[in-house]
């Protein structure tokens, strides 16, 4: 695959799910699941992946404190970059998140990629007592906090000391400490529509798109996403003219090379469930739901390569992100990242990263 966008990078996206509940472990398996997530990063680094992303979910069996987990990952890896996919900004205090993100970035040697999104309205009331109520709409408040976060990461003034306190003199402009230079240029936004993709470009942020388009336009999934990516690139070029910055675009795809009976058994339920929920063209069976899904790319490596080569949206990306299902377990996920690195990604133009790189 020749994207015309420079070297193709390879990433993975993991739920870091907990399959150990009900097995009698003292913490119901939570600690083991988190360690599985770290082991996934370690193996991905060994086989040459450029980046690993973790999903962020609240009140589910997935990581809700991504900075804590990625701080641990940073100490057991040395090269692979680490990303959040994605932190919902509506529930975050942007100054506290900037402090945590800068700390992790410094601990990792500048390997953090900060992926953000809006979130879902249902949790706003739960987090408001912590992070503050607002008169803005849900979406507008999320964008406000996003802008404040990026400003804080740049080292802009976020407050004034007033009369002074502790070791800070009076009338001192305050910036987030610690400050990690360059992190503000590694902020991504997870978009799913033409409008949100164009807005992300106008903000000068990097773009992460998934296996879901959040609007139904009548286009195929790939065609609709390709339009989003082109709109993003056009807006990014206008917003950053003269800066020398190049946009980074990551696109998730569910890629499951079925190399053995064990692979087929591990993912059979997921593949069947996916097929039950939607038509072959990605439209949900529930016609009231106006979204469009990508297919599951499962089968032989050659079949998967042919499908990805025909995906017009991937012509616009700088990173292909292997989206792992929530189920399957660590062993199946390790086999999948290895198979994609060996049998799929090289045929698309990817070259494994090395420790020296």
Protein backbone atom coordinates (compact mmCIF):
# COMPACT_ATOMS: atom_id res chain seq x y z
CA UNK A 1 0.00 0.00 0.00
CA UNK A 2 1.46 3.32 -1.08
CA UNK A 3 -0.24 6.08 0.88
CA UNK A 4 1.84 8.97 -0.38
CA UNK A 5 1.93 10.09 3.25
CA UNK A 6 5.38 8.86 4.21
CA UNK A 7 6.32 5.61 5.95
CA UNK A 8 3.38 3.60 7.26
CA UNK A 9 3.38 3.01 11.01
CA UNK A 10 1.73 0.07 12.75
CA UNK A 11 -0.13 0.29 16.04
CA UNK A 12 -2.51 -1.77 18.11
CA UNK A 13 -5.52 -0.78 20.21
CA UNK A 14 -6.46 -2.89 23.23
CA UNK A 15 -9.37 -2.83 25.66
CA UNK A 16 -7.04 -4.34 28.31
CA UNK A 17 -10.12 -6.29 29.32
CA UNK A 18 -10.47 -8.52 32.38
CA UNK A 19 -11.38 -12.13 31.47
CA UNK A 20 -10.61 -13.41 34.99
CA UNK A 21 -13.75 -12.37 36.84
CA UNK A 22 -15.36 -15.23 38.75
CA UNK A 23 -12.18 -17.31 38.88
CA UNK A 24 -11.61 -16.82 42.58
CA UNK A 25 -8.75 -14.31 42.43
CA UNK A 26 -8.64 -11.92 45.41
CA UNK A 27 -9.18 -8.79 43.29
CA UNK A 28 -11.44 -10.60 40.81
CA UNK A 29 -8.57 -10.66 38.34
CA UNK A 30 -8.11 -6.90 37.92
CA UNK A 31 -4.38 -6.89 38.70
CA UNK A 32 -3.69 -9.79 36.36
CA UNK A 33 -5.64 -8.09 33.57
CA UNK A 34 -3.60 -4.90 33.94
CA UNK A 35 -0.38 -6.91 33.83
CA UNK A 36 -1.65 -8.60 30.65
CA UNK A 37 -1.93 -5.12 29.13
CA UNK A 38 1.69 -4.38 29.97
CA UNK A 39 2.82 -7.72 28.53
CA UNK A 40 0.99 -6.90 25.30
CA UNK A 41 3.03 -3.69 24.98
CA UNK A 42 6.25 -5.58 25.69
CA UNK A 43 5.62 -8.17 22.98
CA UNK A 44 4.47 -5.55 20.47
CA UNK A 45 7.69 -3.65 21.07
CA UNK A 46 9.70 -6.82 20.45
CA UNK A 47 8.08 -7.50 17.07
CA UNK A 48 8.43 -3.90 15.89
CA UNK A 49 5.15 -2.09 16.50
CA UNK A 50 5.46 1.69 16.53
CA UNK A 51 2.72 2.42 19.05
CA UNK A 52 0.16 0.81 21.33
CA UNK A 53 -3.13 2.42 22.35
CA UNK A 54 -5.38 1.54 25.28
CA UNK A 55 -9.10 2.16 25.40
CA UNK A 56 -10.41 4.28 28.26
CA UNK A 57 -13.76 3.40 29.81
CA UNK A 58 -15.43 4.38 33.06
CA UNK A 59 -17.41 1.88 35.19
CA UNK A 60 -16.56 -1.07 32.91
CA UNK A 61 -13.98 -3.86 33.08
CA UNK A 62 -11.44 -1.77 31.18
CA UNK A 63 -8.86 0.85 32.25
CA UNK A 64 -10.36 4.00 33.75
CA UNK A 65 -7.02 5.48 34.88
CA UNK A 66 -4.93 5.43 31.70
CA UNK A 67 -2.07 7.62 32.91
CA UNK A 68 -1.39 5.27 35.82
CA UNK A 69 -1.29 2.23 33.54
CA UNK A 70 0.88 3.91 30.90
CA UNK A 71 3.32 5.06 33.58
CA UNK A 72 3.81 1.38 34.41
CA UNK A 73 4.11 0.49 30.71
CA UNK A 74 6.80 3.16 30.30
CA UNK A 75 8.98 1.45 32.89
CA UNK A 76 8.78 -1.99 31.25
CA UNK A 77 9.35 -0.85 27.66
CA UNK A 78 11.98 1.34 26.06
CA UNK A 79 10.93 2.30 22.53
CA UNK A 80 7.25 1.77 21.70
CA UNK A 81 5.04 4.84 21.96
CA UNK A 82 1.96 4.73 24.18
CA UNK A 83 -1.43 6.27 23.48
CA UNK A 84 -4.84 6.75 25.04
CA UNK A 85 -7.73 5.76 22.83
CA UNK A 86 -9.50 7.88 23.98
CA UNK A 87 -9.90 10.02 27.12
CA UNK A 88 -13.38 11.66 27.24
CA UNK A 89 -12.66 15.31 27.98
CA UNK A 90 -16.11 16.12 29.36
CA UNK A 91 -15.21 14.23 32.54
CA UNK A 92 -11.69 15.61 32.97
CA UNK A 93 -10.16 18.56 34.72
CA UNK A 94 -7.82 19.79 31.95
CA UNK A 95 -5.16 21.15 34.30
CA UNK A 96 -4.92 17.95 36.34
CA UNK A 97 -4.84 15.87 33.16
CA UNK A 98 -2.05 18.09 31.79
CA UNK A 99 -0.02 17.47 34.96
CA UNK A 100 -0.50 13.71 34.76
CA UNK A 101 0.19 13.54 31.02
CA UNK A 102 3.37 15.60 31.28
CA UNK A 103 4.60 13.38 34.13
CA UNK A 104 4.05 10.19 32.11
CA UNK A 105 5.64 11.74 29.03
CA UNK A 106 8.77 12.63 30.97
CA UNK A 107 8.94 9.21 32.63
CA UNK A 108 8.70 7.54 29.21
CA UNK A 109 11.26 9.71 27.46
CA UNK A 110 8.69 11.54 25.34
CA UNK A 111 6.69 8.49 24.18
CA UNK A 112 3.16 9.54 25.15
CA UNK A 113 0.48 10.12 22.49
CA UNK A 114 -2.58 11.76 24.05
CA UNK A 115 -5.81 10.64 22.39
CA UNK A 116 -8.98 12.52 23.37
CA UNK A 117 -12.68 12.61 22.60
CA UNK A 118 -15.92 14.12 23.86
CA UNK A 119 -17.51 11.28 25.86
CA UNK A 120 -21.13 10.31 26.40
CA UNK A 121 -23.68 12.53 28.17
CA UNK A 122 -24.89 9.84 30.59
CA UNK A 123 -21.81 10.20 32.82
CA UNK A 124 -21.71 13.99 32.98
CA UNK A 125 -23.82 14.23 36.13
CA UNK A 126 -21.65 11.64 37.86
CA UNK A 127 -18.43 13.57 37.27
CA UNK A 128 -19.81 17.10 37.63
CA UNK A 129 -19.44 17.18 41.44
CA UNK A 130 -15.74 16.50 40.89
CA UNK A 131 -14.91 18.58 37.84
CA UNK A 132 -17.61 21.25 37.94
CA UNK A 133 -21.01 21.92 36.48
CA UNK A 134 -21.33 24.17 33.44
CA UNK A 135 -23.91 26.11 31.51
CA UNK A 136 -22.34 25.08 28.20
CA UNK A 137 -23.76 22.22 26.17
CA UNK A 138 -22.17 18.81 26.57
CA UNK A 139 -20.24 19.10 23.32
CA UNK A 140 -19.24 22.74 23.85
CA UNK A 141 -17.96 22.02 27.36
CA UNK A 142 -15.88 19.12 26.03
CA UNK A 143 -14.33 21.37 23.40
CA UNK A 144 -13.68 24.08 26.01
CA UNK A 145 -11.79 21.62 28.21
CA UNK A 146 -9.91 20.28 25.21
CA UNK A 147 -8.68 23.77 24.32
CA UNK A 148 -7.68 24.47 27.92
CA UNK A 149 -5.74 21.20 28.06
CA UNK A 150 -3.76 21.90 24.88
CA UNK A 151 -2.98 25.42 26.09
CA UNK A 152 -1.73 24.04 29.41
CA UNK A 153 0.45 21.46 27.64
CA UNK A 154 2.05 24.23 25.58
CA UNK A 155 3.14 25.99 28.75
CA UNK A 156 0.66 28.86 28.56
CA UNK A 157 -0.31 30.66 31.75
CA UNK A 158 -3.21 28.89 33.46
CA UNK A 159 -3.57 31.04 36.61
CA UNK A 160 -1.93 33.74 38.76
CA UNK A 161 -0.65 33.26 42.29
CA UNK A 162 -2.37 36.40 43.57
CA UNK A 163 -1.03 37.12 47.04
CA UNK A 164 1.34 34.19 46.73
CA UNK A 165 1.51 30.94 48.68
CA UNK A 166 3.97 28.18 49.64
CA UNK A 167 7.16 28.85 47.66
CA UNK A 168 5.42 30.90 44.94
CA UNK A 169 5.84 34.71 45.11
CA UNK A 170 2.93 37.08 44.76
CA UNK A 171 1.62 37.99 41.30
CA UNK A 172 3.35 35.08 39.54
CA UNK A 173 1.93 33.66 36.33
CA UNK A 174 1.49 29.91 36.80
CA UNK A 175 2.07 27.18 34.24
CA UNK A 176 1.61 23.44 34.57
CA UNK A 177 4.52 21.65 36.24
CA UNK A 178 6.21 19.51 35.19
CA UNK A 179 6.30 20.77 31.62
CA UNK A 180 7.10 18.29 28.86
CA UNK A 181 8.23 20.08 25.67
CA UNK A 182 6.63 18.71 22.51
CA UNK A 183 3.71 16.94 24.16
CA UNK A 184 1.26 19.60 22.94
CA UNK A 185 2.09 18.51 19.38
CA UNK A 186 1.17 14.90 20.21
CA UNK A 187 -2.52 15.41 20.92
CA UNK A 188 -5.00 13.36 18.89
CA UNK A 189 -8.77 13.58 18.60
CA UNK A 190 -11.07 10.65 17.91
CA UNK A 191 -13.51 11.77 15.22
CA UNK A 192 -16.27 9.83 13.50
CA UNK A 193 -18.03 12.30 11.22
CA UNK A 194 -17.13 14.71 8.44
CA UNK A 195 -17.80 17.70 10.72
CA UNK A 196 -15.71 16.45 13.64
CA UNK A 197 -12.84 15.44 11.36
CA UNK A 198 -12.74 18.90 9.74
CA UNK A 199 -12.92 20.58 13.15
CA UNK A 200 -9.98 18.46 14.36
CA UNK A 201 -7.93 19.62 11.41
CA UNK A 202 -8.81 23.26 12.05
CA UNK A 203 -7.53 22.82 15.62
CA UNK A 204 -4.19 21.50 14.37
CA UNK A 205 -4.62 18.18 16.18
CA UNK A 206 -3.70 14.72 14.94
CA UNK A 207 -6.62 12.49 13.95
CA UNK A 208 -7.63 8.99 15.05
CA UNK A 209 -10.57 7.32 13.33
CA UNK A 210 -12.01 3.95 14.24
CA UNK A 211 -14.03 1.10 12.80
CA UNK A 212 -17.19 3.18 13.18
CA UNK A 213 -18.53 6.17 11.26
CA UNK A 214 -20.98 8.05 13.48
CA UNK A 215 -23.11 9.24 10.57
CA UNK A 216 -24.94 7.48 7.75
CA UNK A 217 -24.37 9.19 4.41
CA UNK A 218 -25.16 6.34 2.05
CA UNK A 219 -21.45 5.85 1.30
CA UNK A 220 -19.63 2.64 2.01
CA UNK A 221 -17.69 2.69 5.27
CA UNK A 222 -14.33 3.21 3.52
CA UNK A 223 -15.67 5.87 1.14
CA UNK A 224 -17.30 7.80 3.97
CA UNK A 225 -14.18 7.66 6.11
CA UNK A 226 -11.99 8.69 3.17
CA UNK A 227 -14.08 11.86 2.80
CA UNK A 228 -13.58 12.57 6.50
CA UNK A 229 -9.81 12.17 6.21
CA UNK A 230 -9.57 14.42 3.15
CA UNK A 231 -11.65 17.11 4.89
CA UNK A 232 -9.36 16.82 7.91
CA UNK A 233 -6.21 17.19 5.84
CA UNK A 234 -7.55 20.24 4.03
CA UNK A 235 -8.49 21.94 7.31
CA UNK A 236 -5.18 20.99 8.95
CA UNK A 237 -3.15 22.42 6.07
CA UNK A 238 -4.99 25.72 6.31
CA UNK A 239 -4.71 25.93 10.11
CA UNK A 240 -0.99 25.10 10.27
CA UNK A 241 0.26 26.82 7.09
CA UNK A 242 3.88 27.85 7.49
CA UNK A 243 4.45 25.80 10.64
CA UNK A 244 6.19 22.88 8.96
CA UNK A 245 3.93 20.42 10.77
CA UNK A 246 2.57 17.39 8.95
CA UNK A 247 -0.72 15.80 10.01
CA UNK A 248 -0.74 12.32 11.48
CA UNK A 249 -3.75 10.12 10.78
CA UNK A 250 -4.36 6.74 12.42
CA UNK A 251 -7.18 4.45 11.30
CA UNK A 252 -8.35 1.41 13.25
CA UNK A 253 -9.21 -1.87 11.56
CA UNK A 254 -10.22 -5.18 13.14
CA UNK A 255 -7.63 -7.56 11.66
CA UNK A 256 -7.75 -11.22 12.72
CA UNK A 257 -5.45 -13.56 10.80
CA UNK A 258 -6.84 -17.02 11.56
CA UNK A 259 -3.62 -19.01 11.54
CA UNK A 260 -4.81 -21.99 13.60
CA UNK A 261 -7.81 -23.70 15.12
CA UNK A 262 -6.97 -21.89 18.37
CA UNK A 263 -7.38 -18.52 16.62
CA UNK A 264 -10.70 -19.56 15.10
CA UNK A 265 -12.02 -20.73 18.47
CA UNK A 266 -10.83 -17.63 20.31
CA UNK A 267 -12.64 -15.23 17.99
CA UNK A 268 -15.60 -17.30 16.78
CA UNK A 269 -18.06 -15.71 19.20
CA UNK A 270 -16.89 -12.19 18.40
CA UNK A 271 -17.09 -12.68 14.63
CA UNK A 272 -20.55 -14.26 14.86
CA UNK A 273 -21.83 -11.52 17.16
CA UNK A 274 -20.51 -8.82 14.86
CA UNK A 275 -22.31 -10.40 11.89
CA UNK A 276 -25.57 -10.65 13.84
CA UNK A 277 -25.64 -6.92 14.53
CA UNK A 278 -25.13 -5.59 11.02
CA UNK A 279 -25.52 -6.14 7.29
CA UNK A 280 -22.57 -7.05 5.10
CA UNK A 281 -22.18 -3.38 4.11
CA UNK A 282 -21.82 -2.26 7.74
CA UNK A 283 -25.33 -0.91 8.28
CA UNK A 284 -26.85 -2.00 11.61
CA UNK A 285 -29.89 -4.26 11.41
CA UNK A 286 -31.68 -1.67 13.54
CA UNK A 287 -32.57 0.88 10.86
CA UNK A 288 -33.10 3.59 13.48
CA UNK A 289 -29.36 3.58 14.24
CA UNK A 290 -27.71 5.84 11.67
CA UNK A 291 -24.10 4.72 11.80
CA UNK A 292 -21.84 2.59 9.62
CA UNK A 293 -19.32 -0.07 10.72
CA UNK A 294 -16.28 -1.49 8.98
CA UNK A 295 -16.13 -5.22 8.42
CA UNK A 296 -14.10 -7.67 10.48
CA UNK A 297 -11.05 -8.57 8.43
CA UNK A 298 -10.74 -12.22 9.43
CA UNK A 299 -9.27 -15.12 7.48
CA UNK A 300 -6.02 -15.85 5.73
CA UNK A 301 -3.32 -13.16 5.62
CA UNK A 302 -3.54 -12.92 1.81
CA UNK A 303 -7.30 -12.38 1.97
CA UNK A 304 -6.88 -9.68 4.61
CA UNK A 305 -4.13 -7.93 2.64
CA UNK A 306 -6.36 -7.80 -0.45
CA UNK A 307 -9.20 -6.28 1.58
CA UNK A 308 -6.96 -3.62 3.12
CA UNK A 309 -5.38 -2.73 -0.22
CA UNK A 310 -8.88 -2.06 -1.56
CA UNK A 311 -9.73 0.23 1.38
CA UNK A 312 -9.60 3.76 -0.05
CA UNK A 313 -9.54 5.41 3.39
CA UNK A 314 -6.19 3.78 4.14
CA UNK A 315 -4.64 5.78 1.28
CA UNK A 316 -4.90 8.79 3.62
CA UNK A 317 -3.37 7.37 6.80
CA UNK A 318 0.06 7.45 8.38
CA UNK A 319 -0.74 4.66 10.85
CA UNK A 320 -2.73 1.44 10.59
CA UNK A 321 -4.08 0.51 14.03
CA UNK A 322 -4.87 -3.14 14.72
CA UNK A 323 -8.07 -3.01 16.78
CA UNK A 324 -8.19 -6.04 19.07
CA UNK A 325 -11.58 -7.39 20.21
CA UNK A 326 -12.42 -7.13 23.89
CA UNK A 327 -12.65 -10.90 24.09
CA UNK A 328 -10.15 -13.54 23.02
CA UNK A 329 -7.72 -13.33 25.91
CA UNK A 330 -4.03 -12.50 26.15
CA UNK A 331 -2.71 -15.56 24.31
CA UNK A 332 -4.97 -14.96 21.30
CA UNK A 333 -4.10 -11.26 21.26
CA UNK A 334 -0.37 -12.03 21.36
CA UNK A 335 -0.76 -14.43 18.42
CA UNK A 336 -2.74 -11.78 16.52
CA UNK A 337 -0.23 -8.96 16.94
CA UNK A 338 2.53 -11.34 15.90
CA UNK A 339 0.65 -12.59 12.83
CA UNK A 340 -0.24 -9.07 11.67
CA UNK A 341 3.37 -7.95 12.09
CA UNK A 342 4.72 -10.94 10.19
CA UNK A 343 2.13 -11.72 7.54
CA UNK A 344 -0.06 -8.64 6.93
CA UNK A 345 1.56 -5.27 7.64
CA UNK A 346 4.78 -5.83 5.61
CA UNK A 347 2.65 -6.42 2.50
CA UNK A 348 1.16 -2.94 3.08
CA UNK A 349 4.53 -1.21 3.17
CA UNK A 350 5.25 -1.31 6.91
CA UNK A 351 8.79 -1.85 8.13
CA UNK A 352 9.24 -3.00 11.76
CA UNK A 353 10.70 -0.45 14.14
CA UNK A 354 13.96 -1.24 15.91
CA UNK A 355 15.41 -0.32 19.26
CA UNK A 356 17.92 2.03 17.61
CA UNK A 357 15.16 3.76 15.67
